[in-house]
PDB file of N, CA and C in Angstrom:
ATOM      1  N   MET A   1       9.750 -30.321 -29.705  1.00  0.00           N
ATOM      2  CA  MET A   1       9.466 -29.230 -28.777  1.00  0.00           C
ATOM      3  C   MET A   1       8.015 -28.794 -28.964  1.00  0.00           C
ATOM      4  N   ALA A   2       7.348 -28.523 -27.849  1.00  0.00           N
ATOM      5  CA  ALA A   2       5.937 -28.129 -27.885  1.00  0.00           C
ATOM      6  C   ALA A   2       5.807 -26.710 -28.432  1.00  0.00           C
ATOM      7  N   HIS A   3       4.726 -26.489 -29.115  1.00  0.00           N
ATOM      8  CA  HIS A   3       4.441 -25.167 -29.660  1.00  0.00           C
ATOM      9  C   HIS A   3       4.141 -24.216 -28.496  1.00  0.00           C
ATOM     10  N   PRO A   4       4.692 -22.983 -28.496  1.00  0.00           N
ATOM     11  CA  PRO A   4       4.515 -22.067 -27.355  1.00  0.00           C
ATOM     12  C   PRO A   4       3.058 -21.759 -27.022  1.00  0.00           C
ATOM     13  N   PHE A   5       2.201 -21.641 -28.049  1.00  0.00           N
ATOM     14  CA  PHE A   5       0.804 -21.317 -27.773  1.00  0.00           C
ATOM     15  C   PHE A   5       0.093 -22.472 -27.080  1.00  0.00           C
ATOM     16  N   ARG A   6       0.436 -23.685 -27.430  1.00  0.00           N
ATOM     17  CA  ARG A   6      -0.162 -24.846 -26.750  1.00  0.00           C
ATOM     18  C   ARG A   6       0.277 -24.884 -25.296  1.00  0.00           C
ATOM     19  N   THR A   7       1.534 -24.566 -25.048  1.00  0.00           N
ATOM     20  CA  THR A   7       2.041 -24.564 -23.679  1.00  0.00           C
ATOM     21  C   THR A   7       1.326 -23.499 -22.850  1.00  0.00           C
ATOM     22  N   CYS A   8       1.138 -22.302 -23.415  1.00  0.00           N
ATOM     23  CA  CYS A   8       0.434 -21.230 -22.702  1.00  0.00           C
ATOM     24  C   CYS A   8      -1.002 -21.631 -22.412  1.00  0.00           C
ATOM     25  N   ARG A   9      -1.669 -22.224 -23.393  1.00  0.00           N
ATOM     26  CA  ARG A   9      -3.050 -22.643 -23.208  1.00  0.00           C
ATOM     27  C   ARG A   9      -3.144 -23.689 -22.094  1.00  0.00           C
ATOM     28  N   LYS A  10      -2.215 -24.622 -22.086  1.00  0.00           N
ATOM     29  CA  LYS A  10      -2.203 -25.664 -21.060  1.00  0.00           C
ATOM     30  C   LYS A  10      -1.933 -25.054 -19.684  1.00  0.00           C
ATOM     31  N   LEU A  11      -1.002 -24.113 -19.629  1.00  0.00           N
ATOM     32  CA  LEU A  11      -0.678 -23.459 -18.371  1.00  0.00           C
ATOM     33  C   LEU A  11      -1.881 -22.690 -17.831  1.00  0.00           C
ATOM     34  N   ARG A  12      -2.588 -21.977 -18.706  1.00  0.00           N
ATOM     35  CA  ARG A  12      -3.773 -21.234 -18.263  1.00  0.00           C
ATOM     36  C   ARG A  12      -4.846 -22.174 -17.739  1.00  0.00           C
ATOM     37  N   ALA A  13      -5.007 -23.325 -18.345  1.00  0.00           N
ATOM     38  CA  ALA A  13      -6.028 -24.277 -17.907  1.00  0.00           C
ATOM     39  C   ALA A  13      -5.673 -24.875 -16.552  1.00  0.00           C
ATOM     40  N   GLU A  14      -4.395 -25.093 -16.307  1.00  0.00           N
ATOM     41  CA  GLU A  14      -3.973 -25.722 -15.054  1.00  0.00           C
ATOM     42  C   GLU A  14      -3.721 -24.709 -13.941  1.00  0.00           C
ATOM     43  N   TYR A  15      -3.563 -23.463 -14.275  1.00  0.00           N
ATOM     44  CA  TYR A  15      -3.186 -22.443 -13.298  1.00  0.00           C
ATOM     45  C   TYR A  15      -4.148 -21.270 -13.415  1.00  0.00           C
ATOM     46  N   PRO A  16      -5.247 -21.304 -12.676  1.00  0.00           N
ATOM     47  CA  PRO A  16      -6.254 -20.239 -12.776  1.00  0.00           C
ATOM     48  C   PRO A  16      -5.683 -18.859 -12.410  1.00  0.00           C
ATOM     49  N   PHE A  17      -6.359 -17.834 -12.885  1.00  0.00           N
ATOM     50  CA  PHE A  17      -5.919 -16.454 -12.685  1.00  0.00           C
ATOM     51  C   PHE A  17      -5.758 -16.115 -11.204  1.00  0.00           C
ATOM     52  N   TYR A  18      -6.703 -16.547 -10.358  1.00  0.00           N
ATOM     53  CA  TYR A  18      -6.616 -16.190  -8.938  1.00  0.00           C
ATOM     54  C   TYR A  18      -5.375 -16.789  -8.289  1.00  0.00           C
ATOM     55  N   GLN A  19      -4.882 -17.916  -8.825  1.00  0.00           N
ATOM     56  CA  GLN A  19      -3.648 -18.500  -8.287  1.00  0.00           C
ATOM     57  C   GLN A  19      -2.444 -17.614  -8.639  1.00  0.00           C
ATOM     58  N   LEU A  20      -2.438 -17.093  -9.852  1.00  0.00           N
ATOM     59  CA  LEU A  20      -1.363 -16.185 -10.261  1.00  0.00           C
ATOM     60  C   LEU A  20      -1.381 -14.928  -9.401  1.00  0.00           C
ATOM     61  N   VAL A  21      -2.559 -14.373  -9.168  1.00  0.00           N
ATOM     62  CA  VAL A  21      -2.699 -13.189  -8.320  1.00  0.00           C
ATOM     63  C   VAL A  21      -2.214 -13.503  -6.903  1.00  0.00           C
ATOM     64  N   SER A  22      -2.517 -14.703  -6.428  1.00  0.00           N
ATOM     65  CA  SER A  22      -2.097 -15.123  -5.098  1.00  0.00           C
ATOM     66  C   SER A  22      -0.572 -15.183  -4.984  1.00  0.00           C
ATOM     67  N   VAL A  23       0.084 -15.731  -5.982  1.00  0.00           N
ATOM     68  CA  VAL A  23       1.543 -15.822  -5.964  1.00  0.00           C
ATOM     69  C   VAL A  23       2.170 -14.425  -6.013  1.00  0.00           C
ATOM     70  N   ILE A  24       1.634 -13.557  -6.863  1.00  0.00           N
ATOM     71  CA  ILE A  24       2.143 -12.181  -6.948  1.00  0.00           C
ATOM     72  C   ILE A  24       1.966 -11.477  -5.598  1.00  0.00           C
ATOM     73  N   GLY A  25       0.793 -11.648  -4.979  1.00  0.00           N
ATOM     74  CA  GLY A  25       0.550 -11.047  -3.668  1.00  0.00           C
ATOM     75  C   GLY A  25       1.513 -11.554  -2.611  1.00  0.00           C
ATOM     76  N   SER A  26       1.768 -12.848  -2.618  1.00  0.00           N
ATOM     77  CA  SER A  26       2.706 -13.423  -1.649  1.00  0.00           C
ATOM     78  C   SER A  26       4.105 -12.872  -1.840  1.00  0.00           C
ATOM     79  N   VAL A  27       4.547 -12.778  -3.077  1.00  0.00           N
ATOM     80  CA  VAL A  27       5.883 -12.244  -3.364  1.00  0.00           C
ATOM     81  C   VAL A  27       5.983 -10.790  -2.887  1.00  0.00           C
ATOM     82  N   LEU A  28       4.946  -9.995  -3.156  1.00  0.00           N
ATOM     83  CA  LEU A  28       4.972  -8.593  -2.731  1.00  0.00           C
ATOM     84  C   LEU A  28       5.007  -8.466  -1.206  1.00  0.00           C
ATOM     85  N   LEU A  29       4.132  -9.197  -0.526  1.00  0.00           N
ATOM     86  CA  LEU A  29       4.094  -9.120   0.936  1.00  0.00           C
ATOM     87  C   LEU A  29       5.390  -9.601   1.561  1.00  0.00           C
ATOM     88  N   LEU A  30       5.877 -10.740   1.088  1.00  0.00           N
ATOM     89  CA  LEU A  30       7.096 -11.293   1.673  1.00  0.00           C
ATOM     90  C   LEU A  30       8.318 -10.436   1.350  1.00  0.00           C
ATOM     91  N   SER A  31       8.339  -9.820   0.188  1.00  0.00           N
ATOM     92  CA  SER A  31       9.450  -8.917  -0.150  1.00  0.00           C
ATOM     93  C   SER A  31       9.455  -7.702   0.769  1.00  0.00           C
ATOM     94  N   ALA A  32       8.281  -7.127   0.975  1.00  0.00           N
ATOM     95  CA  ALA A  32       8.179  -5.964   1.857  1.00  0.00           C
ATOM     96  C   ALA A  32       8.561  -6.334   3.291  1.00  0.00           C
ATOM     97  N   TYR A  33       7.993  -7.417   3.787  1.00  0.00           N
ATOM     98  CA  TYR A  33       8.272  -7.825   5.170  1.00  0.00           C
ATOM     99  C   TYR A  33       9.722  -8.260   5.342  1.00  0.00           C
ATOM    100  N   GLY A  34      10.223  -9.039   4.394  1.00  0.00           N
ATOM    101  CA  GLY A  34      11.614  -9.475   4.465  1.00  0.00           C
ATOM    102  C   GLY A  34      12.574  -8.301   4.409  1.00  0.00           C
ATOM    103  N   GLY A  35      12.268  -7.330   3.554  1.00  0.00           N
ATOM    104  CA  GLY A  35      13.094  -6.136   3.477  1.00  0.00           C
ATOM    105  C   GLY A  35      13.099  -5.361   4.774  1.00  0.00           C
ATOM    106  N   LEU A  36      11.946  -5.297   5.424  1.00  0.00           N
ATOM    107  CA  LEU A  36      11.854  -4.595   6.707  1.00  0.00           C
ATOM    108  C   LEU A  36      12.659  -5.336   7.780  1.00  0.00           C
ATOM    109  N   GLN A  37      12.500  -6.638   7.853  1.00  0.00           N
ATOM    110  CA  GLN A  37      13.171  -7.415   8.894  1.00  0.00           C
ATOM    111  C   GLN A  37      14.684  -7.472   8.724  1.00  0.00           C
ATOM    112  N   THR A  38      15.154  -7.398   7.493  1.00  0.00           N
ATOM    113  CA  THR A  38      16.595  -7.445   7.249  1.00  0.00           C
ATOM    114  C   THR A  38      17.232  -6.061   7.230  1.00  0.00           C
ATOM    115  N   GLY A  39      16.428  -5.018   7.345  1.00  0.00           N
ATOM    116  CA  GLY A  39      16.949  -3.664   7.377  1.00  0.00           C
ATOM    117  C   GLY A  39      17.202  -3.067   6.005  1.00  0.00           C
ATOM    118  N   VAL A  40      16.776  -3.752   4.957  1.00  0.00           N
ATOM    119  CA  VAL A  40      16.966  -3.228   3.606  1.00  0.00           C
ATOM    120  C   VAL A  40      16.023  -2.057   3.352  1.00  0.00           C
ATOM    121  N   VAL A  41      14.815  -2.126   3.886  1.00  0.00           N
ATOM    122  CA  VAL A  41      13.856  -1.028   3.755  1.00  0.00           C
ATOM    123  C   VAL A  41      13.374  -0.634   5.148  1.00  0.00           C
ATOM    124  N   LYS A  42      12.806   0.558   5.223  1.00  0.00           N
ATOM    125  CA  LYS A  42      12.244   1.041   6.486  1.00  0.00           C
ATOM    126  C   LYS A  42      10.731   1.063   6.379  1.00  0.00           C
ATOM    127  N   ALA A  43      10.078   1.060   7.512  1.00  0.00           N
ATOM    128  CA  ALA A  43       8.612   1.051   7.528  1.00  0.00           C
ATOM    129  C   ALA A  43       8.028   2.310   6.902  1.00  0.00           C
ATOM    130  N   ASP A  44       8.786   3.394   6.874  1.00  0.00           N
ATOM    131  CA  ASP A  44       8.276   4.624   6.277  1.00  0.00           C
ATOM    132  C   ASP A  44       8.727   4.800   4.827  1.00  0.00           C
ATOM    133  N   SER A  45       9.046   3.684   4.158  1.00  0.00           N
ATOM    134  CA  SER A  45       9.417   3.766   2.742  1.00  0.00           C
ATOM    135  C   SER A  45       8.211   3.428   1.866  1.00  0.00           C
ATOM    136  N   TYR A  46       8.199   4.006   0.679  1.00  0.00           N
ATOM    137  CA  TYR A  46       7.104   3.719  -0.250  1.00  0.00           C
ATOM    138  C   TYR A  46       7.121   2.256  -0.675  1.00  0.00           C
ATOM    139  N   PHE A  47       8.298   1.666  -0.844  1.00  0.00           N
ATOM    140  CA  PHE A  47       8.381   0.254  -1.236  1.00  0.00           C
ATOM    141  C   PHE A  47       7.644  -0.623  -0.230  1.00  0.00           C
ATOM    142  N   TYR A  48       7.911  -0.398   1.046  1.00  0.00           N
ATOM    143  CA  TYR A  48       7.282  -1.208   2.083  1.00  0.00           C
ATOM    144  C   TYR A  48       5.769  -1.010   2.100  1.00  0.00           C
ATOM    145  N   GLN A  49       5.328   0.226   2.093  1.00  0.00           N
ATOM    146  CA  GLN A  49       3.900   0.512   2.188  1.00  0.00           C
ATOM    147  C   GLN A  49       3.127   0.019   0.958  1.00  0.00           C
ATOM    148  N   ILE A  50       3.682   0.260  -0.237  1.00  0.00           N
ATOM    149  CA  ILE A  50       2.991  -0.173  -1.458  1.00  0.00           C
ATOM    150  C   ILE A  50       3.057  -1.687  -1.604  1.00  0.00           C
ATOM    151  N   GLY A  51       4.175  -2.292  -1.220  1.00  0.00           N
ATOM    152  CA  GLY A  51       4.269  -3.758  -1.244  1.00  0.00           C
ATOM    153  C   GLY A  51       3.235  -4.393  -0.336  1.00  0.00           C
ATOM    154  N   ASN A  52       3.079  -3.827   0.856  1.00  0.00           N
ATOM    155  CA  ASN A  52       2.046  -4.310   1.783  1.00  0.00           C
ATOM    156  C   ASN A  52       0.648  -4.149   1.202  1.00  0.00           C
ATOM    157  N   LEU A  53       0.379  -2.976   0.661  1.00  0.00           N
ATOM    158  CA  LEU A  53      -0.953  -2.684   0.121  1.00  0.00           C
ATOM    159  C   LEU A  53      -1.295  -3.606  -1.042  1.00  0.00           C
ATOM    160  N   LEU A  54      -0.433  -3.656  -2.047  1.00  0.00           N
ATOM    161  CA  LEU A  54      -0.729  -4.478  -3.220  1.00  0.00           C
ATOM    162  C   LEU A  54      -0.712  -5.970  -2.900  1.00  0.00           C
ATOM    163  N   GLY A  55       0.221  -6.389  -2.065  1.00  0.00           N
ATOM    164  CA  GLY A  55       0.279  -7.803  -1.683  1.00  0.00           C
ATOM    165  C   GLY A  55      -0.974  -8.238  -0.947  1.00  0.00           C
ATOM    166  N   ALA A  56      -1.405  -7.443   0.013  1.00  0.00           N
ATOM    167  CA  ALA A  56      -2.613  -7.774   0.771  1.00  0.00           C
ATOM    168  C   ALA A  56      -3.852  -7.730  -0.117  1.00  0.00           C
ATOM    169  N   ALA A  57      -3.910  -6.761  -1.020  1.00  0.00           N
ATOM    170  CA  ALA A  57      -5.058  -6.676  -1.930  1.00  0.00           C
ATOM    171  C   ALA A  57      -5.111  -7.897  -2.851  1.00  0.00           C
ATOM    172  N   CYS A  58      -3.957  -8.310  -3.371  1.00  0.00           N
ATOM    173  CA  CYS A  58      -3.917  -9.507  -4.226  1.00  0.00           C
ATOM    174  C   CYS A  58      -4.360 -10.744  -3.459  1.00  0.00           C
ATOM    175  N   LEU A  59      -3.882 -10.898  -2.230  1.00  0.00           N
ATOM    176  CA  LEU A  59      -4.261 -12.074  -1.452  1.00  0.00           C
ATOM    177  C   LEU A  59      -5.725 -12.019  -1.035  1.00  0.00           C
ATOM    178  N   THR A  60      -6.253 -10.828  -0.811  1.00  0.00           N
ATOM    179  CA  THR A  60      -7.679 -10.700  -0.511  1.00  0.00           C
ATOM    180  C   THR A  60      -8.497 -11.183  -1.695  1.00  0.00           C
ATOM    181  N   TYR A  61      -8.102 -10.765  -2.886  1.00  0.00           N
ATOM    182  CA  TYR A  61      -8.798 -11.199  -4.099  1.00  0.00           C
ATOM    183  C   TYR A  61      -8.706 -12.720  -4.272  1.00  0.00           C
ATOM    184  N   SER A  62      -7.550 -13.278  -3.981  1.00  0.00           N
ATOM    185  CA  SER A  62      -7.330 -14.694  -4.260  1.00  0.00           C
ATOM    186  C   SER A  62      -8.121 -15.635  -3.356  1.00  0.00           C
ATOM    187  N   VAL A  63      -8.589 -15.166  -2.208  1.00  0.00           N
ATOM    188  CA  VAL A  63      -9.343 -16.062  -1.315  1.00  0.00           C
ATOM    189  C   VAL A  63     -10.849 -15.956  -1.518  1.00  0.00           C
ATOM    190  N   ILE A  64     -11.267 -15.229  -2.536  1.00  0.00           N
ATOM    191  CA  ILE A  64     -12.698 -15.126  -2.816  1.00  0.00           C
ATOM    192  C   ILE A  64     -13.234 -16.436  -3.377  1.00  0.00           C
ATOM    193  N   SER A  65     -12.451 -17.097  -4.230  1.00  0.00           N
ATOM    194  CA  SER A  65     -12.899 -18.347  -4.833  1.00  0.00           C
ATOM    195  C   SER A  65     -11.800 -19.393  -4.735  1.00  0.00           C
ATOM    196  N   PRO A  66     -11.929 -20.408  -3.945  1.00  0.00           N
ATOM    197  CA  PRO A  66     -12.995 -20.671  -2.987  1.00  0.00           C
ATOM    198  C   PRO A  66     -12.870 -19.736  -1.783  1.00  0.00           C
ATOM    199  N   PHE A  67     -14.016 -19.326  -1.262  1.00  0.00           N
ATOM    200  CA  PHE A  67     -14.052 -18.326  -0.198  1.00  0.00           C
ATOM    201  C   PHE A  67     -13.503 -18.892   1.101  1.00  0.00           C
ATOM    202  N   ASN A  68     -12.614 -18.134   1.721  1.00  0.00           N
ATOM    203  CA  ASN A  68     -12.043 -18.486   3.020  1.00  0.00           C
ATOM    204  C   ASN A  68     -12.228 -17.266   3.915  1.00  0.00           C
ATOM    205  N   SER A  69     -13.229 -17.311   4.766  1.00  0.00           N
ATOM    206  CA  SER A  69     -13.624 -16.123   5.528  1.00  0.00           C
ATOM    207  C   SER A  69     -12.531 -15.608   6.459  1.00  0.00           C
ATOM    208  N   GLY A  70     -11.819 -16.485   7.144  1.00  0.00           N
ATOM    209  CA  GLY A  70     -10.780 -16.034   8.070  1.00  0.00           C
ATOM    210  C   GLY A  70      -9.653 -15.313   7.363  1.00  0.00           C
ATOM    211  N   VAL A  71      -9.182 -15.877   6.279  1.00  0.00           N
ATOM    212  CA  VAL A  71      -8.101 -15.254   5.523  1.00  0.00           C
ATOM    213  C   VAL A  71      -8.606 -13.984   4.837  1.00  0.00           C
ATOM    214  N   PHE A  72      -9.841 -14.009   4.353  1.00  0.00           N
ATOM    215  CA  PHE A  72     -10.412 -12.826   3.707  1.00  0.00           C
ATOM    216  C   PHE A  72     -10.450 -11.648   4.670  1.00  0.00           C
ATOM    217  N   ILE A  73     -10.940 -11.867   5.878  1.00  0.00           N
ATOM    218  CA  ILE A  73     -11.019 -10.791   6.875  1.00  0.00           C
ATOM    219  C   ILE A  73      -9.618 -10.279   7.200  1.00  0.00           C
ATOM    220  N   THR A  74      -8.681 -11.196   7.413  1.00  0.00           N
ATOM    221  CA  THR A  74      -7.311 -10.804   7.742  1.00  0.00           C
ATOM    222  C   THR A  74      -6.700  -9.955   6.635  1.00  0.00           C
ATOM    223  N   LYS A  75      -6.809 -10.402   5.408  1.00  0.00           N
ATOM    224  CA  LYS A  75      -6.183  -9.692   4.294  1.00  0.00           C
ATOM    225  C   LYS A  75      -6.926  -8.400   3.955  1.00  0.00           C
ATOM    226  N   ALA A  76      -8.241  -8.381   4.125  1.00  0.00           N
ATOM    227  CA  ALA A  76      -8.990  -7.142   3.885  1.00  0.00           C
ATOM    228  C   ALA A  76      -8.576  -6.070   4.904  1.00  0.00           C
ATOM    229  N   MET A  77      -8.434  -6.471   6.163  1.00  0.00           N
ATOM    230  CA  MET A  77      -7.996  -5.518   7.184  1.00  0.00           C
ATOM    231  C   MET A  77      -6.546  -5.092   6.946  1.00  0.00           C
ATOM    232  N   TRP A  78      -5.710  -6.024   6.521  1.00  0.00           N
ATOM    233  CA  TRP A  78      -4.311  -5.703   6.209  1.00  0.00           C
ATOM    234  C   TRP A  78      -4.266  -4.654   5.099  1.00  0.00           C
ATOM    235  N   THR A  79      -5.136  -4.817   4.111  1.00  0.00           N
ATOM    236  CA  THR A  79      -5.213  -3.853   3.019  1.00  0.00           C
ATOM    237  C   THR A  79      -5.623  -2.476   3.542  1.00  0.00           C
ATOM    238  N   LEU A  80      -6.641  -2.436   4.403  1.00  0.00           N
ATOM    239  CA  LEU A  80      -7.085  -1.157   4.971  1.00  0.00           C
ATOM    240  C   LEU A  80      -5.992  -0.505   5.807  1.00  0.00           C
ATOM    241  N   PHE A  81      -5.306  -1.289   6.632  1.00  0.00           N
ATOM    242  CA  PHE A  81      -4.218  -0.739   7.441  1.00  0.00           C
ATOM    243  C   PHE A  81      -3.098  -0.210   6.550  1.00  0.00           C
ATOM    244  N   SER A  82      -2.846  -0.882   5.444  1.00  0.00           N
ATOM    245  CA  SER A  82      -1.802  -0.438   4.516  1.00  0.00           C
ATOM    246  C   SER A  82      -2.189   0.873   3.844  1.00  0.00           C
ATOM    247  N   ILE A  83      -3.464   1.041   3.550  1.00  0.00           N
ATOM    248  CA  ILE A  83      -3.938   2.309   2.983  1.00  0.00           C
ATOM    249  C   ILE A  83      -3.700   3.437   3.975  1.00  0.00           C
ATOM    250  N   VAL A  84      -3.997   3.194   5.246  1.00  0.00           N
ATOM    251  CA  VAL A  84      -3.769   4.200   6.283  1.00  0.00           C
ATOM    252  C   VAL A  84      -2.278   4.522   6.390  1.00  0.00           C
ATOM    253  N   GLY A  85      -1.442   3.505   6.387  1.00  0.00           N
ATOM    254  CA  GLY A  85       0.008   3.723   6.467  1.00  0.00           C
ATOM    255  C   GLY A  85       0.542   4.513   5.290  1.00  0.00           C
ATOM    256  N   LEU A  86       0.069   4.195   4.099  1.00  0.00           N
ATOM    257  CA  LEU A  86       0.502   4.925   2.906  1.00  0.00           C
ATOM    258  C   LEU A  86       0.016   6.366   2.948  1.00  0.00           C
ATOM    259  N   TYR A  87      -1.211   6.580   3.405  1.00  0.00           N
ATOM    260  CA  TYR A  87      -1.748   7.938   3.535  1.00  0.00           C
ATOM    261  C   TYR A  87      -0.886   8.759   4.503  1.00  0.00           C
ATOM    262  N   LYS A  88      -0.543   8.169   5.641  1.00  0.00           N
ATOM    263  CA  LYS A  88       0.277   8.881   6.621  1.00  0.00           C
ATOM    264  C   LYS A  88       1.659   9.192   6.063  1.00  0.00           C
ATOM    265  N   LEU A  89       2.221   8.267   5.299  1.00  0.00           N
ATOM    266  CA  LEU A  89       3.531   8.488   4.700  1.00  0.00           C
ATOM    267  C   LEU A  89       3.488   9.645   3.708  1.00  0.00           C
ATOM    268  N   ILE A  90       2.469   9.671   2.870  1.00  0.00           N
ATOM    269  CA  ILE A  90       2.321  10.753   1.891  1.00  0.00           C
ATOM    270  C   ILE A  90       2.106  12.087   2.601  1.00  0.00           C
ATOM    271  N   ARG A  91       1.262  12.093   3.631  1.00  0.00           N
ATOM    272  CA  ARG A  91       0.997  13.321   4.384  1.00  0.00           C
ATOM    273  C   ARG A  91       2.268  13.849   5.053  1.00  0.00           C
ATOM    274  N   THR A  92       3.052  12.959   5.630  1.00  0.00           N
ATOM    275  CA  THR A  92       4.311  13.365   6.272  1.00  0.00           C
ATOM    276  C   THR A  92       5.297  13.908   5.247  1.00  0.00           C
ATOM    277  N   ALA A  93       5.385  13.255   4.092  1.00  0.00           N
ATOM    278  CA  ALA A  93       6.302  13.713   3.039  1.00  0.00           C
ATOM    279  C   ALA A  93       5.908  15.102   2.548  1.00  0.00           C
ATOM    280  N   ARG A  94       4.623  15.349   2.440  1.00  0.00           N
ATOM    281  CA  ARG A  94       4.164  16.678   2.001  1.00  0.00           C
ATOM    282  C   ARG A  94       4.511  17.746   3.031  1.00  0.00           C
ATOM    283  N   ARG A  95       4.367  17.416   4.292  1.00  0.00           N
ATOM    284  CA  ARG A  95       4.700  18.380   5.339  1.00  0.00           C
ATOM    285  C   ARG A  95       6.178  18.726   5.306  1.00  0.00           C
ATOM    286  N   ARG A  96       7.013  17.704   5.118  1.00  0.00           N
ATOM    287  CA  ARG A  96       8.458  17.928   5.092  1.00  0.00           C
ATOM    288  C   ARG A  96       8.892  18.738   3.879  1.00  0.00           C
ATOM    289  N   SER A  97       8.189  18.547   2.760  1.00  0.00           N
ATOM    290  CA  SER A  97       8.584  19.247   1.541  1.00  0.00           C
ATOM    291  C   SER A  97       8.050  20.672   1.497  1.00  0.00           C
ATOM    292  N   GLY A  98       7.187  21.029   2.420  1.00  0.00           N
ATOM    293  CA  GLY A  98       6.656  22.378   2.467  1.00  0.00           C
ATOM    294  C   GLY A  98       5.423  22.582   1.621  1.00  0.00           C
ATOM    295  N   THR A  99       4.846  21.505   1.115  1.00  0.00           N
ATOM    296  CA  THR A  99       3.598  21.637   0.362  1.00  0.00           C
ATOM    297  C   THR A  99       2.529  22.110   1.318  1.00  0.00           C
ATOM    298  N   PRO A 100       1.817  23.159   0.985  1.00  0.00           N
ATOM    299  CA  PRO A 100       0.828  23.689   1.921  1.00  0.00           C
ATOM    300  C   PRO A 100      -0.281  22.695   2.200  1.00  0.00           C
ATOM    301  N   ALA A 101      -0.696  22.700   3.444  1.00  0.00           N
ATOM    302  CA  ALA A 101      -1.808  21.845   3.851  1.00  0.00           C
ATOM    303  C   ALA A 101      -3.101  22.442   3.335  1.00  0.00           C
ATOM    304  N   PRO A 102      -4.128  21.631   3.167  1.00  0.00           N
ATOM    305  CA  PRO A 102      -5.417  22.170   2.722  1.00  0.00           C
ATOM    306  C   PRO A 102      -5.940  23.209   3.707  1.00  0.00           C
ATOM    307  N   ALA A 103      -6.646  24.214   3.192  1.00  0.00           N
ATOM    308  CA  ALA A 103      -7.198  25.278   4.039  1.00  0.00           C
ATOM    309  C   ALA A 103      -8.225  24.698   4.996  1.00  0.00           C
ATOM    310  N   THR A 104      -8.277  25.265   6.191  1.00  0.00           N
ATOM    311  CA  THR A 104      -9.253  24.818   7.170  1.00  0.00           C
ATOM    312  C   THR A 104     -10.446  25.767   7.167  1.00  0.00           C
ATOM    313  N   ALA A 105     -11.508  25.327   7.776  1.00  0.00           N
ATOM    314  CA  ALA A 105     -12.715  26.143   7.837  1.00  0.00           C
ATOM    315  C   ALA A 105     -12.568  27.282   8.850  1.00  0.00           C
ATOM    316  N   ALA A 106     -11.521  27.220   9.697  1.00  0.00           N
ATOM    317  CA  ALA A 106     -11.354  28.219  10.748  1.00  0.00           C
ATOM    318  C   ALA A 106     -11.027  29.596  10.179  1.00  0.00           C
ATOM    319  N   GLY A 107     -10.363  29.640   9.053  1.00  0.00           N
ATOM    320  CA  GLY A 107     -10.070  30.926   8.430  1.00  0.00           C
ATOM    321  C   GLY A 107      -8.801  31.550   8.943  1.00  0.00           C
ATOM    322  N   PRO A 108      -8.475  32.758   8.479  1.00  0.00           N
ATOM    323  CA  PRO A 108      -7.205  33.401   8.805  1.00  0.00           C
ATOM    324  C   PRO A 108      -7.095  33.857  10.256  1.00  0.00           C
ATOM    325  N   ALA A 109      -8.186  34.034  10.967  1.00  0.00           N
ATOM    326  CA  ALA A 109      -8.110  34.492  12.353  1.00  0.00           C
ATOM    327  C   ALA A 109      -7.404  33.473  13.233  1.00  0.00           C
ATOM    328  N   ASP A 110      -7.444  32.207  12.867  1.00  0.00           N
ATOM    329  CA  ASP A 110      -6.815  31.160  13.661  1.00  0.00           C
ATOM    330  C   ASP A 110      -5.454  30.756  13.112  1.00  0.00           C
ATOM    331  N   ALA A 111      -4.889  31.553  12.219  1.00  0.00           N
ATOM    332  CA  ALA A 111      -3.603  31.205  11.604  1.00  0.00           C
ATOM    333  C   ALA A 111      -2.496  31.295  12.644  1.00  0.00           C
ATOM    334  N   GLU A 112      -1.438  30.540  12.412  1.00  0.00           N
ATOM    335  CA  GLU A 112      -0.274  30.556  13.302  1.00  0.00           C
ATOM    336  C   GLU A 112       0.423  31.912  13.198  1.00  0.00           C
ATOM    337  N   MET A 113       1.160  32.258  14.241  1.00  0.00           N
ATOM    338  CA  MET A 113       1.937  33.490  14.199  1.00  0.00           C
ATOM    339  C   MET A 113       3.118  33.294  13.279  1.00  0.00           C
ATOM    340  N   ASP A 114       3.452  34.304  12.517  1.00  0.00           N
ATOM    341  CA  ASP A 114       4.615  34.270  11.651  1.00  0.00           C
ATOM    342  C   ASP A 114       5.793  34.806  12.451  1.00  0.00           C
ATOM    343  N   PRO A 115       6.829  33.974  12.693  1.00  0.00           N
ATOM    344  CA  PRO A 115       7.943  34.431  13.531  1.00  0.00           C
ATOM    345  C   PRO A 115       8.706  35.604  12.929  1.00  0.00           C
ATOM    346  N   ARG A 116       8.638  35.828  11.635  1.00  0.00           N
ATOM    347  CA  ARG A 116       9.336  36.957  11.017  1.00  0.00           C
ATOM    348  C   ARG A 116       8.632  38.274  11.297  1.00  0.00           C
ATOM    349  N   GLU A 117       7.362  38.203  11.671  1.00  0.00           N
ATOM    350  CA  GLU A 117       6.603  39.439  11.877  1.00  0.00           C
ATOM    351  C   GLU A 117       6.320  39.695  13.350  1.00  0.00           C
ATOM    352  N   GLY A 118       7.024  39.034  14.235  1.00  0.00           N
ATOM    353  CA  GLY A 118       6.815  39.252  15.655  1.00  0.00           C
ATOM    354  C   GLY A 118       5.505  38.681  16.097  1.00  0.00           C
ATOM    355  N   ASP A 119       4.663  39.524  16.743  1.00  0.00           N
ATOM    356  CA  ASP A 119       3.383  39.054  17.248  1.00  0.00           C
ATOM    357  C   ASP A 119       2.257  39.188  16.239  1.00  0.00           C
ATOM    358  N   ALA A 120       2.525  39.774  15.096  1.00  0.00           N
ATOM    359  CA  ALA A 120       1.458  39.990  14.118  1.00  0.00           C
ATOM    360  C   ALA A 120       1.036  38.651  13.509  1.00  0.00           C
ATOM    361  N   ARG A 121      -0.240  38.582  13.248  1.00  0.00           N
ATOM    362  CA  ARG A 121      -0.787  37.363  12.600  1.00  0.00           C
ATOM    363  C   ARG A 121      -0.707  37.537  11.114  1.00  0.00           C
ATOM    364  N   ARG A 122      -0.674  36.397  10.404  1.00  0.00           N
ATOM    365  CA  ARG A 122      -0.625  36.442   8.942  1.00  0.00           C
ATOM    366  C   ARG A 122      -1.915  36.939   8.376  1.00  0.00           C
TER     367      ARG A 122
END
């Protein structure tokens, strides 16, 4: 039986790091997409959004060497779109949980009416 350290060294020599990142990215993207298509996850779930983000980021990294411009552009944009989707999901979750939104520059004069106080402004 081969010594474990020799096997690891041989594996590292034959399987560069970017290939490992590529496989991880593919698994993440396909898991997220497959889960969405089979109804296991929803598009507004953290699993789907984070799987898309990390998978696309891994695949973007993996096409740098050797550089593939078409795939790089596609995966870079996929990563950006996933960031937007995750941001929207977090923002929606905060609104539903009642976490206060950041203060606006408009000030208290533009505040919404409080239904408990009739027509009075907060």
